[in-house]
Amino acid sequence: MPVITVDWWQGNDRRARREPAAGVTDVVTRVPGSPDDAVTVVVRDAAADRGGRAGRRADASRPAGDRR
């Protein structure tokens, strides 16, 4: 019974959580063949001040034109 955790930046609403949960469940049922009712997906919000991206704090402002 797989349990998959998806961590993403805070600010996504309840509707947005359905997509990763449904997509991950789909992959796990197709690839290893687990039944969908055996797959648990936990979506956790992380505050941007608790992590970083590209060597910078995630809540730091980016230079103009930087889309990373």
PDB file of N, CA and C in Angstrom:
ATOM      1  N   MET A   1       0.828  -1.174   0.000  1.00  0.00           N
ATOM      2  CA  MET A   1       0.000   0.000   0.000  1.00  0.00           C
ATOM      3  C   MET A   1       0.878   1.245   0.000  1.00  0.00           C
ATOM      4  N   PRO A   2       1.080   1.845  -1.158  1.00  0.00           N
ATOM      5  CA  PRO A   2       1.953   3.001  -1.238  1.00  0.00           C
ATOM      6  C   PRO A   2       1.357   4.248  -0.587  1.00  0.00           C
ATOM      7  N   VAL A   3       2.226   4.995   0.071  1.00  0.00           N
ATOM      8  CA  VAL A   3       1.886   6.314   0.610  1.00  0.00           C
ATOM      9  C   VAL A   3       2.891   7.283   0.003  1.00  0.00           C
ATOM     10  N   ILE A   4       2.404   8.233  -0.775  1.00  0.00           N
ATOM     11  CA  ILE A   4       3.255   9.190  -1.471  1.00  0.00           C
ATOM     12  C   ILE A   4       2.989  10.573  -0.893  1.00  0.00           C
ATOM     13  N   THR A   5       4.073  11.298  -0.598  1.00  0.00           N
ATOM     14  CA  THR A   5       3.948  12.650  -0.067  1.00  0.00           C
ATOM     15  C   THR A   5       4.409  13.650  -1.114  1.00  0.00           C
ATOM     16  N   VAL A   6       3.579  14.645  -1.371  1.00  0.00           N
ATOM     17  CA  VAL A   6       3.904  15.727  -2.293  1.00  0.00           C
ATOM     18  C   VAL A   6       4.035  16.991  -1.451  1.00  0.00           C
ATOM     19  N   ASP A   7       5.226  17.588  -1.466  1.00  0.00           N
ATOM     20  CA  ASP A   7       5.449  18.861  -0.783  1.00  0.00           C
ATOM     21  C   ASP A   7       5.452  19.954  -1.839  1.00  0.00           C
ATOM     22  N   TRP A   8       4.693  21.016  -1.612  1.00  0.00           N
ATOM     23  CA  TRP A   8       4.713  22.150  -2.520  1.00  0.00           C
ATOM     24  C   TRP A   8       4.532  23.424  -1.749  1.00  0.00           C
ATOM     25  N   TRP A   9       4.845  24.542  -2.428  1.00  0.00           N
ATOM     26  CA  TRP A   9       4.777  25.820  -1.740  1.00  0.00           C
ATOM     27  C   TRP A   9       3.346  26.152  -1.363  1.00  0.00           C
ATOM     28  N   GLN A  10       3.209  26.746  -0.232  1.00  0.00           N
ATOM     29  CA  GLN A  10       1.937  27.168   0.331  1.00  0.00           C
ATOM     30  C   GLN A  10       1.216  28.112  -0.626  1.00  0.00           C
ATOM     31  N   GLY A  11      -0.101  28.074  -0.609  1.00  0.00           N
ATOM     32  CA  GLY A  11      -0.883  29.017  -1.396  1.00  0.00           C
ATOM     33  C   GLY A  11      -1.795  28.372  -2.418  1.00  0.00           C
ATOM     34  N   ASN A  12      -1.762  27.056  -2.549  1.00  0.00           N
ATOM     35  CA  ASN A  12      -2.660  26.376  -3.477  1.00  0.00           C
ATOM     36  C   ASN A  12      -3.949  26.023  -2.755  1.00  0.00           C
ATOM     37  N   ASP A  13      -5.057  26.146  -3.446  1.00  0.00           N
ATOM     38  CA  ASP A  13      -6.342  25.887  -2.803  1.00  0.00           C
ATOM     39  C   ASP A  13      -6.705  24.400  -2.856  1.00  0.00           C
ATOM     40  N   ARG A  14      -7.813  24.099  -2.253  1.00  0.00           N
ATOM     41  CA  ARG A  14      -8.262  22.706  -2.152  1.00  0.00           C
ATOM     42  C   ARG A  14      -8.438  22.061  -3.525  1.00  0.00           C
ATOM     43  N   ARG A  15      -8.968  22.812  -4.478  1.00  0.00           N
ATOM     44  CA  ARG A  15      -9.173  22.292  -5.827  1.00  0.00           C
ATOM     45  C   ARG A  15      -7.836  21.918  -6.473  1.00  0.00           C
ATOM     46  N   ALA A  16      -6.817  22.750  -6.256  1.00  0.00           N
ATOM     47  CA  ALA A  16      -5.500  22.486  -6.839  1.00  0.00           C
ATOM     48  C   ALA A  16      -4.883  21.208  -6.277  1.00  0.00           C
ATOM     49  N   ARG A  17      -5.218  20.837  -5.074  1.00  0.00           N
ATOM     50  CA  ARG A  17      -4.667  19.619  -4.463  1.00  0.00           C
ATOM     51  C   ARG A  17      -5.170  18.350  -5.141  1.00  0.00           C
ATOM     52  N   ARG A  18      -6.339  18.420  -5.752  1.00  0.00           N
ATOM     53  CA  ARG A  18      -6.898  17.229  -6.399  1.00  0.00           C
ATOM     54  C   ARG A  18      -6.036  16.747  -7.556  1.00  0.00           C
ATOM     55  N   GLU A  19      -5.463  17.684  -8.313  1.00  0.00           N
ATOM     56  CA  GLU A  19      -4.701  17.284  -9.497  1.00  0.00           C
ATOM     57  C   GLU A  19      -3.476  16.442  -9.173  1.00  0.00           C
ATOM     58  N   PRO A  20      -2.584  16.873  -8.260  1.00  0.00           N
ATOM     59  CA  PRO A  20      -1.452  15.990  -7.971  1.00  0.00           C
ATOM     60  C   PRO A  20      -1.896  14.678  -7.331  1.00  0.00           C
ATOM     61  N   ALA A  21      -2.926  14.720  -6.492  1.00  0.00           N
ATOM     62  CA  ALA A  21      -3.404  13.489  -5.860  1.00  0.00           C
ATOM     63  C   ALA A  21      -3.934  12.520  -6.916  1.00  0.00           C
ATOM     64  N   ALA A  22      -4.715  13.023  -7.857  1.00  0.00           N
ATOM     65  CA  ALA A  22      -5.269  12.168  -8.910  1.00  0.00           C
ATOM     66  C   ALA A  22      -4.172  11.681  -9.857  1.00  0.00           C
ATOM     67  N   GLY A  23      -3.253  12.570 -10.235  1.00  0.00           N
ATOM     68  CA  GLY A  23      -2.185  12.199 -11.163  1.00  0.00           C
ATOM     69  C   GLY A  23      -1.241  11.166 -10.589  1.00  0.00           C
ATOM     70  N   VAL A  24      -0.841  11.355  -9.339  1.00  0.00           N
ATOM     71  CA  VAL A  24       0.064  10.394  -8.688  1.00  0.00           C
ATOM     72  C   VAL A  24      -0.642   9.052  -8.535  1.00  0.00           C
ATOM     73  N   THR A  25      -1.897   9.084  -8.144  1.00  0.00           N
ATOM     74  CA  THR A  25      -2.654   7.833  -8.006  1.00  0.00           C
ATOM     75  C   THR A  25      -2.719   7.101  -9.340  1.00  0.00           C
ATOM     76  N   ASP A  26      -2.957   7.838 -10.419  1.00  0.00           N
ATOM     77  CA  ASP A  26      -3.018   7.225 -11.749  1.00  0.00           C
ATOM     78  C   ASP A  26      -1.709   6.523 -12.103  1.00  0.00           C
ATOM     79  N   VAL A  27      -0.582   7.188 -11.880  1.00  0.00           N
ATOM     80  CA  VAL A  27       0.719   6.594 -12.201  1.00  0.00           C
ATOM     81  C   VAL A  27       0.974   5.354 -11.360  1.00  0.00           C
ATOM     82  N   VAL A  28       0.684   5.445 -10.073  1.00  0.00           N
ATOM     83  CA  VAL A  28       0.974   4.320  -9.176  1.00  0.00           C
ATOM     84  C   VAL A  28       0.059   3.128  -9.454  1.00  0.00           C
ATOM     85  N   THR A  29      -1.129   3.371  -9.955  1.00  0.00           N
ATOM     86  CA  THR A  29      -1.990   2.237 -10.296  1.00  0.00           C
ATOM     87  C   THR A  29      -1.589   1.610 -11.630  1.00  0.00           C
ATOM     88  N   ARG A  30      -1.056   2.415 -12.556  1.00  0.00           N
ATOM     89  CA  ARG A  30      -0.645   1.883 -13.861  1.00  0.00           C
ATOM     90  C   ARG A  30       0.709   1.193 -13.815  1.00  0.00           C
ATOM     91  N   VAL A  31       1.691   1.814 -13.199  1.00  0.00           N
ATOM     92  CA  VAL A  31       3.061   1.307 -13.275  1.00  0.00           C
ATOM     93  C   VAL A  31       3.255   0.071 -12.394  1.00  0.00           C
ATOM     94  N   PRO A  32       3.142   0.180 -11.057  1.00  0.00           N
ATOM     95  CA  PRO A  32       3.340  -1.048 -10.280  1.00  0.00           C
ATOM     96  C   PRO A  32       2.079  -1.898 -10.151  1.00  0.00           C
ATOM     97  N   GLY A  33       0.936  -1.359 -10.563  1.00  0.00           N
ATOM     98  CA  GLY A  33      -0.294  -2.138 -10.544  1.00  0.00           C
ATOM     99  C   GLY A  33      -1.036  -2.151  -9.227  1.00  0.00           C
ATOM    100  N   SER A  34      -0.826  -1.165  -8.392  1.00  0.00           N
ATOM    101  CA  SER A  34      -1.573  -1.092  -7.132  1.00  0.00           C
ATOM    102  C   SER A  34      -3.015  -0.695  -7.414  1.00  0.00           C
ATOM    103  N   PRO A  35      -3.965  -1.248  -6.678  1.00  0.00           N
ATOM    104  CA  PRO A  35      -5.345  -0.795  -6.842  1.00  0.00           C
ATOM    105  C   PRO A  35      -5.478   0.640  -6.332  1.00  0.00           C
ATOM    106  N   ASP A  36      -6.324   1.443  -6.978  1.00  0.00           N
ATOM    107  CA  ASP A  36      -6.404   2.854  -6.603  1.00  0.00           C
ATOM    108  C   ASP A  36      -6.828   3.080  -5.161  1.00  0.00           C
ATOM    109  N   ASP A  37      -7.622   2.198  -4.609  1.00  0.00           N
ATOM    110  CA  ASP A  37      -8.040   2.397  -3.218  1.00  0.00           C
ATOM    111  C   ASP A  37      -6.938   2.054  -2.214  1.00  0.00           C
ATOM    112  N   ALA A  38      -5.798   1.546  -2.701  1.00  0.00           N
ATOM    113  CA  ALA A  38      -4.663   1.250  -1.822  1.00  0.00           C
ATOM    114  C   ALA A  38      -3.632   2.372  -1.831  1.00  0.00           C
ATOM    115  N   VAL A  39      -3.823   3.374  -2.693  1.00  0.00           N
ATOM    116  CA  VAL A  39      -2.852   4.462  -2.832  1.00  0.00           C
ATOM    117  C   VAL A  39      -3.283   5.654  -1.982  1.00  0.00           C
ATOM    118  N   THR A  40      -2.370   6.129  -1.147  1.00  0.00           N
ATOM    119  CA  THR A  40      -2.612   7.321  -0.337  1.00  0.00           C
ATOM    120  C   THR A  40      -1.643   8.407  -0.788  1.00  0.00           C
ATOM    121  N   VAL A  41      -2.181   9.591  -1.081  1.00  0.00           N
ATOM    122  CA  VAL A  41      -1.363  10.734  -1.462  1.00  0.00           C
ATOM    123  C   VAL A  41      -1.584  11.825  -0.425  1.00  0.00           C
ATOM    124  N   VAL A  42      -0.492  12.273   0.185  1.00  0.00           N
ATOM    125  CA  VAL A  42      -0.538  13.344   1.175  1.00  0.00           C
ATOM    126  C   VAL A  42       0.075  14.581   0.536  1.00  0.00           C
ATOM    127  N   VAL A  43      -0.689  15.676   0.474  1.00  0.00           N
ATOM    128  CA  VAL A  43      -0.197  16.931  -0.090  1.00  0.00           C
ATOM    129  C   VAL A  43       0.056  17.881   1.072  1.00  0.00           C
ATOM    130  N   ARG A  44       1.342  18.285   1.216  1.00  0.00           N
ATOM    131  CA  ARG A  44       1.722  19.158   2.330  1.00  0.00           C
ATOM    132  C   ARG A  44       2.167  20.516   1.807  1.00  0.00           C
ATOM    133  N   ASP A  45       1.687  21.556   2.469  1.00  0.00           N
ATOM    134  CA  ASP A  45       2.109  22.918   2.137  1.00  0.00           C
ATOM    135  C   ASP A  45       3.361  23.268   2.915  1.00  0.00           C
ATOM    136  N   ALA A  46       4.297  23.891   2.229  1.00  0.00           N
ATOM    137  CA  ALA A  46       5.513  24.379   2.871  1.00  0.00           C
ATOM    138  C   ALA A  46       5.536  25.896   2.722  1.00  0.00           C
ATOM    139  N   ALA A  47       5.765  26.594   3.821  1.00  0.00           N
ATOM    140  CA  ALA A  47       5.877  28.044   3.759  1.00  0.00           C
ATOM    141  C   ALA A  47       7.144  28.410   3.001  1.00  0.00           C
ATOM    142  N   ALA A  48       7.066  29.416   2.142  1.00  0.00           N
ATOM    143  CA  ALA A  48       8.203  29.801   1.309  1.00  0.00           C
ATOM    144  C   ALA A  48       9.411  30.233   2.134  1.00  0.00           C
ATOM    145  N   ASP A  49       9.186  30.700   3.353  1.00  0.00           N
ATOM    146  CA  ASP A  49      10.325  31.104   4.183  1.00  0.00           C
ATOM    147  C   ASP A  49      11.009  29.911   4.846  1.00  0.00           C
ATOM    148  N   ARG A  50      10.519  28.709   4.562  1.00  0.00           N
ATOM    149  CA  ARG A  50      11.098  27.500   5.148  1.00  0.00           C
ATOM    150  C   ARG A  50      11.980  26.731   4.179  1.00  0.00           C
ATOM    151  N   GLY A  51      12.198  27.258   2.973  1.00  0.00           N
ATOM    152  CA  GLY A  51      12.999  26.529   2.002  1.00  0.00           C
ATOM    153  C   GLY A  51      13.609  27.459   0.974  1.00  0.00           C
ATOM    154  N   GLY A  52      14.228  26.871  -0.029  1.00  0.00           N
ATOM    155  CA  GLY A  52      14.867  27.670  -1.054  1.00  0.00           C
ATOM    156  C   GLY A  52      14.827  27.010  -2.401  1.00  0.00           C
ATOM    157  N   ARG A  53      15.202  27.782  -3.412  1.00  0.00           N
ATOM    158  CA  ARG A  53      15.219  27.302  -4.775  1.00  0.00           C
ATOM    159  C   ARG A  53      16.340  28.033  -5.508  1.00  0.00           C
ATOM    160  N   ALA A  54      17.099  27.320  -6.283  1.00  0.00           N
ATOM    161  CA  ALA A  54      18.181  27.900  -7.081  1.00  0.00           C
ATOM    162  C   ALA A  54      19.161  28.680  -6.213  1.00  0.00           C
ATOM    163  N   GLY A  55      19.414  28.175  -5.015  1.00  0.00           N
ATOM    164  CA  GLY A  55      20.395  28.801  -4.140  1.00  0.00           C
ATOM    165  C   GLY A  55      19.907  30.033  -3.394  1.00  0.00           C
ATOM    166  N   ARG A  56      18.624  30.340  -3.507  1.00  0.00           N
ATOM    167  CA  ARG A  56      18.055  31.507  -2.820  1.00  0.00           C
ATOM    168  C   ARG A  56      16.873  31.061  -1.973  1.00  0.00           C
ATOM    169  N   ARG A  57      16.575  31.863  -0.968  1.00  0.00           N
ATOM    170  CA  ARG A  57      15.359  31.591  -0.192  1.00  0.00           C
ATOM    171  C   ARG A  57      14.164  31.639  -1.133  1.00  0.00           C
ATOM    172  N   ALA A  58      13.214  30.773  -0.945  1.00  0.00           N
ATOM    173  CA  ALA A  58      12.054  30.717  -1.832  1.00  0.00           C
ATOM    174  C   ALA A  58      11.184  31.962  -1.716  1.00  0.00           C
ATOM    175  N   ASP A  59      11.236  32.648  -0.592  1.00  0.00           N
ATOM    176  CA  ASP A  59      10.420  33.850  -0.440  1.00  0.00           C
ATOM    177  C   ASP A  59      11.158  35.122  -0.835  1.00  0.00           C
ATOM    178  N   ALA A  60      12.403  34.987  -1.289  1.00  0.00           N
ATOM    179  CA  ALA A  60      13.172  36.159  -1.721  1.00  0.00           C
ATOM    180  C   ALA A  60      12.651  36.647  -3.068  1.00  0.00           C
ATOM    181  N   SER A  61      12.635  37.939  -3.249  1.00  0.00           N
ATOM    182  CA  SER A  61      12.177  38.453  -4.539  1.00  0.00           C
ATOM    183  C   SER A  61      13.205  38.133  -5.615  1.00  0.00           C
ATOM    184  N   ARG A  62      12.750  37.951  -6.821  1.00  0.00           N
ATOM    185  CA  ARG A  62      13.616  37.601  -7.953  1.00  0.00           C
ATOM    186  C   ARG A  62      13.887  38.831  -8.800  1.00  0.00           C
ATOM    187  N   PRO A  63      15.031  38.836  -9.451  1.00  0.00           N
ATOM    188  CA  PRO A  63      15.303  39.947 -10.374  1.00  0.00           C
ATOM    189  C   PRO A  63      14.270  39.969 -11.507  1.00  0.00           C
ATOM    190  N   ALA A  64      14.010  41.143 -12.051  1.00  0.00           N
ATOM    191  CA  ALA A  64      13.069  41.279 -13.160  1.00  0.00           C
ATOM    192  C   ALA A  64      13.464  40.359 -14.300  1.00  0.00           C
ATOM    193  N   GLY A  65      12.500  39.684 -14.878  1.00  0.00           N
ATOM    194  CA  GLY A  65      12.770  38.800 -16.005  1.00  0.00           C
ATOM    195  C   GLY A  65      13.170  37.383 -15.637  1.00  0.00           C
ATOM    196  N   ASP A  66      13.440  37.127 -14.358  1.00  0.00           N
ATOM    197  CA  ASP A  66      13.834  35.785 -13.914  1.00  0.00           C
ATOM    198  C   ASP A  66      12.568  34.978 -13.676  1.00  0.00           C
ATOM    199  N   ARG A  67      12.328  33.967 -14.510  1.00  0.00           N
ATOM    200  CA  ARG A  67      11.107  33.162 -14.392  1.00  0.00           C
ATOM    201  C   ARG A  67      11.339  31.828 -13.729  1.00  0.00           C
ATOM    202  N   ARG A  68      12.516  31.586 -13.163  1.00  0.00           N
ATOM    203  CA  ARG A  68      12.773  30.309 -12.498  1.00  0.00           C
ATOM    204  C   ARG A  68      12.017  30.213 -11.214  1.00  0.00           C
TER     205      ARG A  68
END
